[in-house]
Amino acid sequence: MIALAVLTLFVLTDSLAPRSFAMGCTVVMIISTFTWIFLLRRTSGDPDALSTTSGATVKSRNKNKHVQVALLLLMLLISFWLTRGGPWVPRLIGASMLVLFLIGTILRNPK
């Protein structure tokens, strides 16, 4: 996020061309993706090993699921409010992505 903020600052001060900004953002996203993949593979242990009962784990995951759904719905409402009066196509694309994440979160089964 810091790298993207710095790139945005450079664009706003006309120190960086829009094409260079796009290439920089692409590089930052690729590096972030590989970093997340590396971290997720490194920490892919048994999640049930920490809990003493599986019932407590399922309740904890259900609570986390409810929080995630509430946050996604809040993000959807805030995004509609912040982009009011703007073009419809980007708003619909963003809303459809949030709805897809919301559906994925709701349909995910706790193990």
N, C-alpha and C. Protein backbone atom coordinates (compact mmCIF):
# COMPACT_ATOMS: atom_id res chain seq x y z
N MET A 1 0.82 -1.19 0.00
CA MET A 1 0.00 0.00 0.00
C MET A 1 0.87 1.25 0.00
N ILE A 2 1.97 1.17 0.70
CA ILE A 2 2.87 2.32 0.75
C ILE A 2 3.44 2.60 -0.63
N ALA A 3 3.82 1.54 -1.34
CA ALA A 3 4.38 1.72 -2.69
C ALA A 3 3.34 2.34 -3.62
N LEU A 4 2.09 1.90 -3.54
CA LEU A 4 1.04 2.49 -4.37
C LEU A 4 0.77 3.93 -3.98
N ALA A 5 0.84 4.25 -2.70
CA ALA A 5 0.64 5.62 -2.26
C ALA A 5 1.76 6.52 -2.78
N VAL A 6 2.98 6.03 -2.78
CA VAL A 6 4.11 6.81 -3.30
C VAL A 6 3.96 7.01 -4.80
N LEU A 7 3.57 5.96 -5.52
CA LEU A 7 3.35 6.10 -6.96
C LEU A 7 2.25 7.11 -7.25
N THR A 8 1.17 7.07 -6.48
CA THR A 8 0.08 8.02 -6.66
C THR A 8 0.54 9.45 -6.37
N LEU A 9 1.34 9.62 -5.35
CA LEU A 9 1.88 10.94 -5.03
C LEU A 9 2.73 11.48 -6.18
N PHE A 10 3.54 10.61 -6.78
CA PHE A 10 4.37 11.03 -7.91
C PHE A 10 3.51 11.44 -9.11
N VAL A 11 2.41 10.72 -9.33
CA VAL A 11 1.53 11.08 -10.45
C VAL A 11 0.84 12.41 -10.18
N LEU A 12 0.40 12.61 -8.94
CA LEU A 12 -0.30 13.85 -8.60
C LEU A 12 0.61 15.07 -8.70
N THR A 13 1.89 14.89 -8.45
CA THR A 13 2.84 16.00 -8.55
C THR A 13 3.47 16.08 -9.94
N ASP A 14 2.97 15.34 -10.89
CA ASP A 14 3.47 15.31 -12.28
C ASP A 14 4.94 14.90 -12.38
N SER A 15 5.40 14.09 -11.45
CA SER A 15 6.77 13.57 -11.51
C SER A 15 6.83 12.24 -12.23
N LEU A 16 5.68 11.64 -12.49
CA LEU A 16 5.62 10.32 -13.10
C LEU A 16 4.53 10.32 -14.16
N ALA A 17 4.87 9.78 -15.32
CA ALA A 17 3.90 9.71 -16.42
C ALA A 17 2.85 8.64 -16.12
N PRO A 18 1.65 8.79 -16.67
CA PRO A 18 0.59 7.80 -16.41
C PRO A 18 0.98 6.38 -16.85
N ARG A 19 1.72 6.28 -17.94
CA ARG A 19 2.13 4.94 -18.40
C ARG A 19 3.11 4.30 -17.42
N SER A 20 4.04 5.09 -16.89
CA SER A 20 4.97 4.57 -15.89
C SER A 20 4.25 4.21 -14.61
N PHE A 21 3.23 5.00 -14.27
CA PHE A 21 2.41 4.70 -13.10
C PHE A 21 1.72 3.35 -13.25
N ALA A 22 1.16 3.11 -14.43
CA ALA A 22 0.47 1.83 -14.68
C ALA A 22 1.46 0.66 -14.59
N MET A 23 2.64 0.83 -15.17
CA MET A 23 3.64 -0.24 -15.10
C MET A 23 4.10 -0.47 -13.65
N GLY A 24 4.28 0.61 -12.90
CA GLY A 24 4.68 0.48 -11.50
C GLY A 24 3.63 -0.22 -10.67
N CYS A 25 2.36 0.12 -10.91
CA CYS A 25 1.26 -0.54 -10.18
C CYS A 25 1.20 -2.02 -10.52
N THR A 26 1.43 -2.35 -11.79
CA THR A 26 1.43 -3.76 -12.19
C THR A 26 2.54 -4.52 -11.49
N VAL A 27 3.73 -3.94 -11.43
CA VAL A 27 4.86 -4.59 -10.75
C VAL A 27 4.55 -4.77 -9.26
N VAL A 28 3.98 -3.75 -8.63
CA VAL A 28 3.65 -3.84 -7.21
C VAL A 28 2.62 -4.95 -6.97
N MET A 29 1.61 -5.06 -7.84
CA MET A 29 0.60 -6.11 -7.68
C MET A 29 1.19 -7.50 -7.88
N ILE A 30 2.09 -7.66 -8.83
CA ILE A 30 2.72 -8.97 -9.05
C ILE A 30 3.57 -9.36 -7.85
N ILE A 31 4.35 -8.42 -7.35
CA ILE A 31 5.19 -8.71 -6.18
C ILE A 31 4.31 -9.02 -4.97
N SER A 32 3.21 -8.30 -4.80
CA SER A 32 2.30 -8.57 -3.68
C SER A 32 1.67 -9.95 -3.79
N THR A 33 1.31 -10.35 -5.00
CA THR A 33 0.71 -11.67 -5.20
C THR A 33 1.69 -12.77 -4.82
N PHE A 34 2.92 -12.66 -5.30
CA PHE A 34 3.91 -13.69 -4.96
C PHE A 34 4.23 -13.70 -3.46
N THR A 35 4.22 -12.53 -2.84
CA THR A 35 4.46 -12.47 -1.39
C THR A 35 3.35 -13.16 -0.63
N TRP A 36 2.08 -12.91 -1.01
CA TRP A 36 0.96 -13.56 -0.35
C TRP A 36 1.00 -15.08 -0.56
N ILE A 37 1.31 -15.50 -1.76
CA ILE A 37 1.40 -16.94 -2.03
C ILE A 37 2.47 -17.57 -1.15
N PHE A 38 3.63 -16.93 -1.06
CA PHE A 38 4.72 -17.45 -0.24
C PHE A 38 4.31 -17.52 1.23
N LEU A 39 3.67 -16.46 1.74
CA LEU A 39 3.27 -16.45 3.14
C LEU A 39 2.18 -17.47 3.43
N LEU A 40 1.24 -17.65 2.51
CA LEU A 40 0.17 -18.63 2.73
C LEU A 40 0.70 -20.06 2.68
N ARG A 41 1.65 -20.33 1.82
CA ARG A 41 2.23 -21.68 1.78
C ARG A 41 3.03 -21.97 3.04
N ARG A 42 3.71 -20.95 3.55
CA ARG A 42 4.55 -21.13 4.73
C ARG A 42 3.71 -21.38 5.97
N THR A 43 2.51 -20.78 6.04
CA THR A 43 1.67 -20.92 7.23
C THR A 43 0.52 -21.88 7.03
N SER A 44 0.63 -22.81 6.11
CA SER A 44 -0.49 -23.73 5.83
C SER A 44 -0.45 -24.93 6.78
N GLY A 45 -0.53 -24.66 8.07
CA GLY A 45 -0.58 -25.72 9.06
C GLY A 45 -2.01 -26.18 9.28
N ASP A 46 -2.21 -27.01 10.28
CA ASP A 46 -3.53 -27.52 10.62
C ASP A 46 -4.25 -26.47 11.46
N PRO A 47 -5.33 -25.86 10.96
CA PRO A 47 -6.01 -24.83 11.74
C PRO A 47 -6.74 -25.38 12.96
N ASP A 48 -7.10 -26.67 12.97
CA ASP A 48 -7.80 -27.25 14.11
C ASP A 48 -6.86 -27.64 15.24
N ALA A 49 -5.56 -27.59 14.99
CA ALA A 49 -4.60 -27.98 16.02
C ALA A 49 -4.60 -27.00 17.18
N LEU A 50 -5.01 -25.76 16.96
CA LEU A 50 -4.98 -24.76 18.01
C LEU A 50 -6.16 -24.87 18.96
N SER A 51 -7.28 -25.39 18.50
CA SER A 51 -8.46 -25.44 19.35
C SER A 51 -8.54 -26.78 20.08
N THR A 52 -9.23 -26.75 21.22
CA THR A 52 -9.36 -27.97 22.00
C THR A 52 -10.57 -28.78 21.54
N THR A 53 -11.59 -28.09 21.05
CA THR A 53 -12.77 -28.78 20.54
C THR A 53 -13.10 -28.26 19.16
N SER A 54 -13.63 -29.13 18.33
CA SER A 54 -13.98 -28.70 16.98
C SER A 54 -15.21 -27.81 16.98
N GLY A 55 -16.08 -27.93 17.98
CA GLY A 55 -17.26 -27.08 18.07
C GLY A 55 -16.89 -25.63 18.27
N ALA A 56 -15.88 -25.38 19.10
CA ALA A 56 -15.43 -24.00 19.32
C ALA A 56 -14.83 -23.43 18.04
N THR A 57 -14.16 -24.27 17.27
CA THR A 57 -13.58 -23.80 16.02
C THR A 57 -14.65 -23.42 15.02
N VAL A 58 -15.71 -24.23 14.91
CA VAL A 58 -16.79 -23.94 13.97
C VAL A 58 -17.51 -22.66 14.38
N LYS A 59 -17.77 -22.48 15.69
CA LYS A 59 -18.43 -21.26 16.15
C LYS A 59 -17.57 -20.04 15.86
N SER A 60 -16.26 -20.17 16.07
CA SER A 60 -15.35 -19.07 15.80
C SER A 60 -15.34 -18.72 14.32
N ARG A 61 -15.34 -19.74 13.47
CA ARG A 61 -15.34 -19.49 12.03
C ARG A 61 -16.66 -18.88 11.58
N ASN A 62 -17.78 -19.32 12.18
CA ASN A 62 -19.07 -18.73 11.83
C ASN A 62 -19.12 -17.26 12.23
N LYS A 63 -18.55 -16.93 13.39
CA LYS A 63 -18.53 -15.55 13.82
C LYS A 63 -17.66 -14.73 12.86
N ASN A 64 -16.51 -15.27 12.47
CA ASN A 64 -15.65 -14.58 11.51
C ASN A 64 -16.38 -14.40 10.18
N LYS A 65 -17.15 -15.38 9.78
CA LYS A 65 -17.91 -15.31 8.53
C LYS A 65 -18.93 -14.18 8.60
N HIS A 66 -19.62 -14.06 9.73
CA HIS A 66 -20.61 -13.00 9.89
C HIS A 66 -19.95 -11.62 9.84
N VAL A 67 -18.80 -11.51 10.45
CA VAL A 67 -18.07 -10.23 10.42
C VAL A 67 -17.64 -9.91 9.00
N GLN A 68 -17.15 -10.89 8.26
CA GLN A 68 -16.72 -10.66 6.88
C GLN A 68 -17.90 -10.25 6.00
N VAL A 69 -19.04 -10.89 6.17
CA VAL A 69 -20.22 -10.54 5.38
C VAL A 69 -20.66 -9.11 5.71
N ALA A 70 -20.67 -8.77 6.99
CA ALA A 70 -21.07 -7.42 7.39
C ALA A 70 -20.11 -6.37 6.82
N LEU A 71 -18.82 -6.65 6.84
CA LEU A 71 -17.85 -5.71 6.29
C LEU A 71 -17.99 -5.55 4.79
N LEU A 72 -18.25 -6.65 4.08
CA LEU A 72 -18.44 -6.56 2.63
C LEU A 72 -19.70 -5.77 2.29
N LEU A 73 -20.77 -5.97 3.03
CA LEU A 73 -21.98 -5.19 2.80
C LEU A 73 -21.76 -3.71 3.10
N LEU A 74 -21.00 -3.43 4.16
CA LEU A 74 -20.67 -2.05 4.49
C LEU A 74 -19.82 -1.42 3.39
N MET A 75 -18.87 -2.18 2.87
CA MET A 75 -18.04 -1.67 1.76
C MET A 75 -18.89 -1.38 0.54
N LEU A 76 -19.87 -2.23 0.27
CA LEU A 76 -20.76 -2.02 -0.88
C LEU A 76 -21.55 -0.73 -0.71
N LEU A 77 -22.10 -0.51 0.47
CA LEU A 77 -22.87 0.71 0.71
C LEU A 77 -21.99 1.95 0.64
N ILE A 78 -20.82 1.89 1.24
CA ILE A 78 -19.90 3.03 1.22
C ILE A 78 -19.44 3.33 -0.20
N SER A 79 -19.17 2.28 -0.98
CA SER A 79 -18.72 2.52 -2.35
C SER A 79 -19.81 3.15 -3.19
N PHE A 80 -21.07 2.76 -2.98
CA PHE A 80 -22.16 3.40 -3.70
C PHE A 80 -22.31 4.86 -3.28
N TRP A 81 -22.11 5.14 -2.01
CA TRP A 81 -22.24 6.50 -1.53
C TRP A 81 -21.10 7.38 -2.06
N LEU A 82 -19.88 6.88 -2.03
CA LEU A 82 -18.73 7.69 -2.44
C LEU A 82 -18.68 7.92 -3.95
N THR A 83 -19.26 7.03 -4.72
CA THR A 83 -19.21 7.18 -6.18
C THR A 83 -20.53 7.68 -6.76
N ARG A 84 -21.40 8.22 -5.93
CA ARG A 84 -22.69 8.69 -6.42
C ARG A 84 -22.46 9.80 -7.46
N GLY A 85 -23.27 9.75 -8.50
CA GLY A 85 -23.15 10.73 -9.56
C GLY A 85 -22.07 10.42 -10.58
N GLY A 86 -21.33 9.36 -10.36
CA GLY A 86 -20.27 8.98 -11.29
C GLY A 86 -20.79 8.11 -12.42
N PRO A 87 -19.90 7.72 -13.32
CA PRO A 87 -20.33 6.85 -14.42
C PRO A 87 -20.80 5.49 -13.91
N TRP A 88 -21.79 4.92 -14.58
CA TRP A 88 -22.42 3.70 -14.11
C TRP A 88 -21.59 2.45 -14.35
N VAL A 89 -20.86 2.39 -15.45
CA VAL A 89 -20.13 1.16 -15.78
C VAL A 89 -19.09 0.81 -14.72
N PRO A 90 -18.20 1.73 -14.30
CA PRO A 90 -17.26 1.36 -13.24
C PRO A 90 -17.94 1.04 -11.92
N ARG A 91 -19.03 1.72 -11.63
CA ARG A 91 -19.76 1.44 -10.39
C ARG A 91 -20.34 0.03 -10.41
N LEU A 92 -20.90 -0.37 -11.54
CA LEU A 92 -21.48 -1.71 -11.65
C LEU A 92 -20.42 -2.80 -11.62
N ILE A 93 -19.28 -2.54 -12.24
CA ILE A 93 -18.19 -3.51 -12.22
C ILE A 93 -17.70 -3.70 -10.79
N GLY A 94 -17.48 -2.61 -10.08
CA GLY A 94 -17.04 -2.71 -8.68
C GLY A 94 -18.07 -3.39 -7.80
N ALA A 95 -19.33 -3.04 -8.01
CA ALA A 95 -20.39 -3.67 -7.20
C ALA A 95 -20.50 -5.15 -7.50
N SER A 96 -20.35 -5.54 -8.77
CA SER A 96 -20.43 -6.97 -9.09
C SER A 96 -19.27 -7.74 -8.48
N MET A 97 -18.09 -7.14 -8.43
CA MET A 97 -16.97 -7.82 -7.78
C MET A 97 -17.22 -7.98 -6.29
N LEU A 98 -17.73 -6.94 -5.64
CA LEU A 98 -18.04 -7.06 -4.22
C LEU A 98 -19.13 -8.10 -3.97
N VAL A 99 -20.12 -8.17 -4.85
CA VAL A 99 -21.18 -9.17 -4.69
C VAL A 99 -20.61 -10.58 -4.89
N LEU A 100 -19.68 -10.75 -5.82
CA LEU A 100 -19.03 -12.06 -6.00
C LEU A 100 -18.26 -12.46 -4.75
N PHE A 101 -17.51 -11.52 -4.15
CA PHE A 101 -16.81 -11.81 -2.90
C PHE A 101 -17.80 -12.14 -1.80
N LEU A 102 -18.90 -11.43 -1.77
CA LEU A 102 -19.93 -11.66 -0.76
C LEU A 102 -20.53 -13.06 -0.91
N ILE A 103 -20.85 -13.46 -2.13
CA ILE A 103 -21.40 -14.79 -2.37
C ILE A 103 -20.38 -15.87 -1.98
N GLY A 104 -19.12 -15.66 -2.35
CA GLY A 104 -18.08 -16.62 -1.97
C GLY A 104 -17.93 -16.74 -0.47
N THR A 105 -18.02 -15.63 0.23
CA THR A 105 -17.91 -15.66 1.69
C THR A 105 -19.11 -16.37 2.31
N ILE A 106 -20.30 -16.11 1.79
CA ILE A 106 -21.49 -16.74 2.35
C ILE A 106 -21.51 -18.24 2.09
N LEU A 107 -21.11 -18.67 0.91
CA LEU A 107 -21.18 -20.09 0.54
C LEU A 107 -20.00 -20.91 1.06
N ARG A 108 -18.99 -20.27 1.58
CA ARG A 108 -17.83 -21.01 2.09
C ARG A 108 -18.23 -21.85 3.29
N ASN A 109 -17.85 -23.11 3.27
CA ASN A 109 -18.21 -24.04 4.34
C ASN A 109 -17.13 -24.03 5.42
N PRO A 110 -17.51 -23.90 6.69
CA PRO A 110 -16.52 -24.06 7.75
C PRO A 110 -16.16 -25.53 7.89
N LYS A 111 -14.92 -25.81 8.05
CA LYS A 111 -14.46 -27.21 8.16
C LYS A 111 -14.33 -27.62 9.59
